[in-house]
Each structure stands twice: as structure tokens, then as C-alpha cells.
Amino acid sequence: MTRVKFIAEDGAEIAETAMVLPLLFMIIFAIFWFGRAFFIYSTITRAANAGAHAAALPGCATCAAGITPGQNAYNQIQTSLAAAHMDIAAAQPPVTTPNLLNCQTSQPVACDASPTNICVQENVNILPHGTVGGSGSICGVAVSFAYPFPFRLPFTSLGNIVIPAGAQVRMEAQ
């Protein structure tokens, strides 16, 4: 028995492929760009945490005299970003400065101006995990900054997005 081929079916596979391929490529690009954004987010969060730990140290035997905790934080963040092949010069100040209060005076603490584009707040009240409200706060250091990410997905209006990073660490004893 022979099969009769209808003329209307010629090229249907090509038309279906032409409709599906752009969607498939867009999904693949989205997976790539979301993966890249997540990589940047995890890297800058880890760098902020390392910077906060460096700023919380009471002193550094190998550091030069006169280095501030803010400079220690900046140096550690620079090292962490360089290890991930990211540029510290692209770091931006946080979109909103964390509203943290001084441990002794309960006054708002401004960002340390010494590290470029990195907000370091020393001697601030931070809450341990699981603590609600003002009770149980401890004195620590907060580090925050933002990093731009060029989110380029075809056929979308997304441009640069700014990914925030921040960490709080208790002050180390002398």
C-alpha cells in the first residue's frame, strides 16, 4: 500500500523548527545569564562576609600600622573579588545605607569613608540569628556594597541590575 503525500505537509517540519528554535535559544540564554547572576551574587556575598570578618579583627600582626578596619575589609573584599576574576572598581555603594545604631550611644552609624564604594559600619548593634526585637543584640561590624550585572537577554528590556551584598559579624575580643 502506498502512502499518499499531501502537498500542504511539505515544509511543516521546517516551519515548526523555525518557531521553536528562537524560544529554545532564549531559554538557554536565560539559564546562562541567571547562572552568571547567581555566581556574582554568591561571590559578592562571600566577599562581604570575608570583609566583615577582616574588619572585626582587633588587630593584624602582618598589617601595616594605621590601617583601619574599613581598609582591612576593603583589602579582603578586593582579594575575594580578584580570585573570582571580578573588578573591585565596579563595586558601588549600597543602594540604601543600613540603618544601624552605635553600641554605646544608640545613634545611627554612618559608613566609613576610607574604603571606596564599600560601606563599613563599626561598633553597631547586630542581632544574632533567631533574635527578634532589640533584646539580645551584640556589638559588631557591618559591611555592605552592590555590584552591577549586565543582564542581556534577547527580546527583553532588562539592562543592568544591581546586586546587593551585605554581612554582619560580631566584634572579636582583644
C-alpha atoms as a PDB file:
ATOM      1  CA  MET A   1       0.000   0.000   0.000  1.00  0.00           C
ATOM      2  CA  THR A   2       1.418   3.366  -0.924  1.00  0.00           C
ATOM      3  CA  ARG A   3       1.048   6.406   1.185  1.00  0.00           C
ATOM      4  CA  VAL A   4      -0.306   9.493  -0.423  1.00  0.00           C
ATOM      5  CA  LYS A   5       1.573  12.642   0.496  1.00  0.00           C
ATOM      6  CA  PHE A   6      -0.364  15.855   0.667  1.00  0.00           C
ATOM      7  CA  ILE A   7       1.251  18.954  -0.711  1.00  0.00           C
ATOM      8  CA  ALA A   8       0.210  21.020   2.335  1.00  0.00           C
ATOM      9  CA  GLU A   9       2.519  18.940   4.571  1.00  0.00           C
ATOM     10  CA  ASP A  10       5.679  19.855   2.675  1.00  0.00           C
ATOM     11  CA  GLY A  11       7.922  22.043   4.830  1.00  0.00           C
ATOM     12  CA  ALA A  12       5.850  21.712   8.017  1.00  0.00           C
ATOM     13  CA  GLU A  13       8.879  20.486   9.964  1.00  0.00           C
ATOM     14  CA  ILE A  14      10.932  23.479   8.860  1.00  0.00           C
ATOM     15  CA  ALA A  15       8.185  25.895   9.881  1.00  0.00           C
ATOM     16  CA  GLU A  16       7.818  24.223  13.292  1.00  0.00           C
ATOM     17  CA  THR A  17      11.584  24.280  13.819  1.00  0.00           C
ATOM     18  CA  ALA A  18      11.723  27.955  12.841  1.00  0.00           C
ATOM     19  CA  MET A  19       9.126  28.722  15.506  1.00  0.00           C
ATOM     20  CA  VAL A  20      10.648  26.578  18.274  1.00  0.00           C
ATOM     21  CA  LEU A  21      14.391  27.332  17.891  1.00  0.00           C
ATOM     22  CA  PRO A  22      14.256  31.019  18.929  1.00  0.00           C
ATOM     23  CA  LEU A  23      12.320  30.063  22.054  1.00  0.00           C
ATOM     24  CA  LEU A  24      14.793  27.275  22.816  1.00  0.00           C
ATOM     25  CA  PHE A  25      17.783  29.616  22.391  1.00  0.00           C
ATOM     26  CA  MET A  26      16.129  32.234  24.601  1.00  0.00           C
ATOM     27  CA  ILE A  27      15.652  29.636  27.358  1.00  0.00           C
ATOM     28  CA  ILE A  28      19.299  28.563  27.035  1.00  0.00           C
ATOM     29  CA  PHE A  29      20.472  32.203  27.231  1.00  0.00           C
ATOM     30  CA  ALA A  30      18.243  32.789  30.275  1.00  0.00           C
ATOM     31  CA  ILE A  31      19.718  29.767  32.042  1.00  0.00           C
ATOM     32  CA  PHE A  32      23.227  31.032  31.299  1.00  0.00           C
ATOM     33  CA  TRP A  33      22.537  34.621  32.466  1.00  0.00           C
ATOM     34  CA  PHE A  34      20.666  33.556  35.618  1.00  0.00           C
ATOM     35  CA  GLY A  35      23.550  31.216  36.437  1.00  0.00           C
ATOM     36  CA  ARG A  36      26.007  34.064  35.952  1.00  0.00           C
ATOM     37  CA  ALA A  37      23.909  36.373  38.148  1.00  0.00           C
ATOM     38  CA  PHE A  38      23.776  33.718  40.875  1.00  0.00           C
ATOM     39  CA  PHE A  39      27.560  33.275  40.645  1.00  0.00           C
ATOM     40  CA  ILE A  40      28.067  37.020  41.090  1.00  0.00           C
ATOM     41  CA  TYR A  41      25.588  37.114  43.983  1.00  0.00           C
ATOM     42  CA  SER A  42      27.287  34.271  45.829  1.00  0.00           C
ATOM     43  CA  THR A  43      30.762  35.724  45.189  1.00  0.00           C
ATOM     44  CA  ILE A  44      29.956  39.220  46.455  1.00  0.00           C
ATOM     45  CA  THR A  45      28.077  37.823  49.463  1.00  0.00           C
ATOM     46  CA  ARG A  46      31.099  35.699  50.347  1.00  0.00           C
ATOM     47  CA  ALA A  47      33.389  38.710  49.795  1.00  0.00           C
ATOM     48  CA  ALA A  48      31.228  40.898  52.072  1.00  0.00           C
ATOM     49  CA  ASN A  49      31.339  38.201  54.753  1.00  0.00           C
ATOM     50  CA  ALA A  50      35.138  37.918  54.463  1.00  0.00           C
ATOM     51  CA  GLY A  51      35.429  41.715  54.594  1.00  0.00           C
ATOM     52  CA  ALA A  52      33.265  41.904  57.716  1.00  0.00           C
ATOM     53  CA  HIS A  53      35.401  39.235  59.385  1.00  0.00           C
ATOM     54  CA  ALA A  54      38.572  41.161  58.491  1.00  0.00           C
ATOM     55  CA  ALA A  55      37.098  44.408  59.860  1.00  0.00           C
ATOM     56  CA  ALA A  56      36.011  42.702  63.091  1.00  0.00           C
ATOM     57  CA  LEU A  57      39.508  41.523  63.960  1.00  0.00           C
ATOM     58  CA  PRO A  58      41.038  43.509  66.843  1.00  0.00           C
ATOM     59  CA  GLY A  59      44.389  43.860  65.103  1.00  0.00           C
ATOM     60  CA  CYS A  60      46.581  42.322  62.489  1.00  0.00           C
ATOM     61  CA  ALA A  61      50.182  41.288  63.150  1.00  0.00           C
ATOM     62  CA  THR A  62      51.043  41.354  59.442  1.00  0.00           C
ATOM     63  CA  CYS A  63      49.205  44.607  58.624  1.00  0.00           C
ATOM     64  CA  ALA A  64      50.907  47.956  58.371  1.00  0.00           C
ATOM     65  CA  ALA A  65      50.401  50.416  61.217  1.00  0.00           C
ATOM     66  CA  GLY A  66      47.458  52.759  60.905  1.00  0.00           C
ATOM     67  CA  ILE A  67      45.271  50.511  58.753  1.00  0.00           C
ATOM     68  CA  THR A  68      41.638  50.991  59.692  1.00  0.00           C
ATOM     69  CA  PRO A  69      39.097  48.177  59.980  1.00  0.00           C
ATOM     70  CA  GLY A  70      37.450  49.647  56.895  1.00  0.00           C
ATOM     71  CA  GLN A  71      40.692  49.294  54.948  1.00  0.00           C
ATOM     72  CA  ASN A  72      41.087  45.713  56.209  1.00  0.00           C
ATOM     73  CA  ALA A  73      37.575  44.982  54.922  1.00  0.00           C
ATOM     74  CA  TYR A  74      38.301  46.623  51.562  1.00  0.00           C
ATOM     75  CA  ASN A  75      41.551  44.662  51.129  1.00  0.00           C
ATOM     76  CA  GLN A  76      39.796  41.372  51.900  1.00  0.00           C
ATOM     77  CA  ILE A  77      36.908  42.138  49.534  1.00  0.00           C
ATOM     78  CA  GLN A  78      39.400  43.080  46.809  1.00  0.00           C
ATOM     79  CA  THR A  79      41.221  39.764  47.292  1.00  0.00           C
ATOM     80  CA  SER A  80      37.959  37.774  47.182  1.00  0.00           C
ATOM     81  CA  LEU A  81      36.712  39.508  44.040  1.00  0.00           C
ATOM     82  CA  ALA A  82      40.081  39.183  42.306  1.00  0.00           C
ATOM     83  CA  ALA A  83      40.024  35.419  42.970  1.00  0.00           C
ATOM     84  CA  ALA A  84      36.710  35.273  41.083  1.00  0.00           C
ATOM     85  CA  HIS A  85      38.067  37.493  38.252  1.00  0.00           C
ATOM     86  CA  MET A  86      35.780  40.360  39.234  1.00  0.00           C
ATOM     87  CA  ASP A  87      36.808  44.024  39.352  1.00  0.00           C
ATOM     88  CA  ILE A  88      36.639  45.838  42.711  1.00  0.00           C
ATOM     89  CA  ALA A  89      36.364  49.127  40.800  1.00  0.00           C
ATOM     90  CA  ALA A  90      32.897  48.058  39.612  1.00  0.00           C
ATOM     91  CA  ALA A  91      31.642  47.845  43.204  1.00  0.00           C
ATOM     92  CA  GLN A  92      29.111  50.505  44.130  1.00  0.00           C
ATOM     93  CA  PRO A  93      27.917  51.903  47.450  1.00  0.00           C
ATOM     94  CA  PRO A  94      24.797  50.172  48.740  1.00  0.00           C
ATOM     95  CA  VAL A  95      21.523  51.499  47.340  1.00  0.00           C
ATOM     96  CA  THR A  96      20.324  52.166  50.888  1.00  0.00           C
ATOM     97  CA  THR A  97      22.748  52.509  53.788  1.00  0.00           C
ATOM     98  CA  PRO A  98      21.872  50.049  56.554  1.00  0.00           C
ATOM     99  CA  ASN A  99      20.252  51.887  59.454  1.00  0.00           C
ATOM    100  CA  LEU A 100      22.376  50.507  62.290  1.00  0.00           C
ATOM    101  CA  LEU A 101      22.877  52.052  65.722  1.00  0.00           C
ATOM    102  CA  ASN A 102      26.082  52.511  67.716  1.00  0.00           C
ATOM    103  CA  CYS A 103      26.553  50.011  70.565  1.00  0.00           C
ATOM    104  CA  GLN A 104      27.259  52.655  73.209  1.00  0.00           C
ATOM    105  CA  THR A 105      25.341  55.758  72.101  1.00  0.00           C
ATOM    106  CA  SER A 106      22.412  54.230  70.159  1.00  0.00           C
ATOM    107  CA  GLN A 107      22.992  56.868  67.472  1.00  0.00           C
ATOM    108  CA  PRO A 108      22.926  55.976  63.757  1.00  0.00           C
ATOM    109  CA  VAL A 109      26.328  54.995  62.369  1.00  0.00           C
ATOM    110  CA  ALA A 110      27.456  56.375  59.016  1.00  0.00           C
ATOM    111  CA  CYS A 111      29.584  54.419  56.583  1.00  0.00           C
ATOM    112  CA  ASP A 112      33.359  54.557  56.972  1.00  0.00           C
ATOM    113  CA  ALA A 113      34.544  56.772  54.126  1.00  0.00           C
ATOM    114  CA  SER A 114      38.028  55.251  53.799  1.00  0.00           C
ATOM    115  CA  PRO A 115      37.238  52.264  51.549  1.00  0.00           C
ATOM    116  CA  THR A 116      35.980  53.297  48.134  1.00  0.00           C
ATOM    117  CA  ASN A 117      32.344  52.301  47.486  1.00  0.00           C
ATOM    118  CA  ILE A 118      32.300  49.827  50.392  1.00  0.00           C
ATOM    119  CA  CYS A 119      30.115  50.705  53.392  1.00  0.00           C
ATOM    120  CA  VAL A 120      31.794  49.613  56.636  1.00  0.00           C
ATOM    121  CA  GLN A 121      29.969  50.379  59.881  1.00  0.00           C
ATOM    122  CA  GLU A 122      31.883  49.632  63.085  1.00  0.00           C
ATOM    123  CA  ASN A 123      30.611  49.175  66.659  1.00  0.00           C
ATOM    124  CA  VAL A 124      26.988  48.684  65.659  1.00  0.00           C
ATOM    125  CA  ASN A 125      24.211  46.672  67.264  1.00  0.00           C
ATOM    126  CA  ILE A 126      23.613  43.484  65.338  1.00  0.00           C
ATOM    127  CA  LEU A 127      21.078  40.818  66.158  1.00  0.00           C
ATOM    128  CA  PRO A 128      22.080  37.164  66.414  1.00  0.00           C
ATOM    129  CA  HIS A 129      20.171  34.705  64.244  1.00  0.00           C
ATOM    130  CA  GLY A 130      16.754  33.902  65.658  1.00  0.00           C
ATOM    131  CA  THR A 131      16.578  37.042  67.840  1.00  0.00           C
ATOM    132  CA  VAL A 132      13.522  39.224  67.388  1.00  0.00           C
ATOM    133  CA  GLY A 133      13.397  42.824  68.524  1.00  0.00           C
ATOM    134  CA  GLY A 134      16.096  44.775  70.332  1.00  0.00           C
ATOM    135  CA  SER A 135      16.893  42.287  73.078  1.00  0.00           C
ATOM    136  CA  GLY A 136      19.982  40.158  72.780  1.00  0.00           C
ATOM    137  CA  SER A 137      21.827  42.454  70.389  1.00  0.00           C
ATOM    138  CA  ILE A 138      25.601  42.318  70.292  1.00  0.00           C
ATOM    139  CA  CYS A 139      28.253  44.728  69.095  1.00  0.00           C
ATOM    140  CA  GLY A 140      29.693  44.081  65.662  1.00  0.00           C
ATOM    141  CA  VAL A 141      30.708  45.260  62.202  1.00  0.00           C
ATOM    142  CA  ALA A 142      28.512  45.547  59.117  1.00  0.00           C
ATOM    143  CA  VAL A 143      29.832  45.587  55.549  1.00  0.00           C
ATOM    144  CA  SER A 144      27.650  46.283  52.521  1.00  0.00           C
ATOM    145  CA  PHE A 145      28.070  47.190  48.868  1.00  0.00           C
ATOM    146  CA  ALA A 146      26.472  46.499  45.497  1.00  0.00           C
ATOM    147  CA  TYR A 147      27.762  45.086  42.228  1.00  0.00           C
ATOM    148  CA  PRO A 148      26.306  45.776  38.761  1.00  0.00           C
ATOM    149  CA  PHE A 149      25.383  42.924  36.456  1.00  0.00           C
ATOM    150  CA  PRO A 150      24.647  43.498  32.754  1.00  0.00           C
ATOM    151  CA  PHE A 151      21.633  41.236  32.242  1.00  0.00           C
ATOM    152  CA  ARG A 152      21.375  40.908  28.467  1.00  0.00           C
ATOM    153  CA  LEU A 153      18.574  38.619  27.398  1.00  0.00           C
ATOM    154  CA  PRO A 154      17.367  38.935  23.793  1.00  0.00           C
ATOM    155  CA  PHE A 155      13.917  40.425  23.270  1.00  0.00           C
ATOM    156  CA  THR A 156      13.734  41.815  26.821  1.00  0.00           C
ATOM    157  CA  SER A 157      14.121  45.298  28.230  1.00  0.00           C
ATOM    158  CA  LEU A 158      16.366  44.177  31.083  1.00  0.00           C
ATOM    159  CA  GLY A 159      19.583  46.131  31.344  1.00  0.00           C
ATOM    160  CA  ASN A 160      21.994  46.487  34.214  1.00  0.00           C
ATOM    161  CA  ILE A 161      20.740  45.167  37.513  1.00  0.00           C
ATOM    162  CA  VAL A 162      22.478  45.966  40.774  1.00  0.00           C
ATOM    163  CA  ILE A 163      23.028  43.019  43.092  1.00  0.00           C
ATOM    164  CA  PRO A 164      23.380  43.948  46.781  1.00  0.00           C
ATOM    165  CA  ALA A 165      25.723  42.247  49.236  1.00  0.00           C
ATOM    166  CA  GLY A 166      25.994  42.623  52.972  1.00  0.00           C
ATOM    167  CA  ALA A 167      27.282  40.874  56.065  1.00  0.00           C
ATOM    168  CA  GLN A 168      27.291  41.455  59.793  1.00  0.00           C
ATOM    169  CA  VAL A 169      29.876  39.938  62.146  1.00  0.00           C
ATOM    170  CA  ARG A 170      30.323  40.363  65.891  1.00  0.00           C
ATOM    171  CA  MET A 171      33.456  42.148  67.088  1.00  0.00           C
ATOM    172  CA  GLU A 172      36.285  39.853  68.115  1.00  0.00           C
ATOM    173  CA  ALA A 173      37.711  40.104  71.625  1.00  0.00           C
ATOM    174  CA  GLN A 174      41.081  41.715  72.165  1.00  0.00           C
END
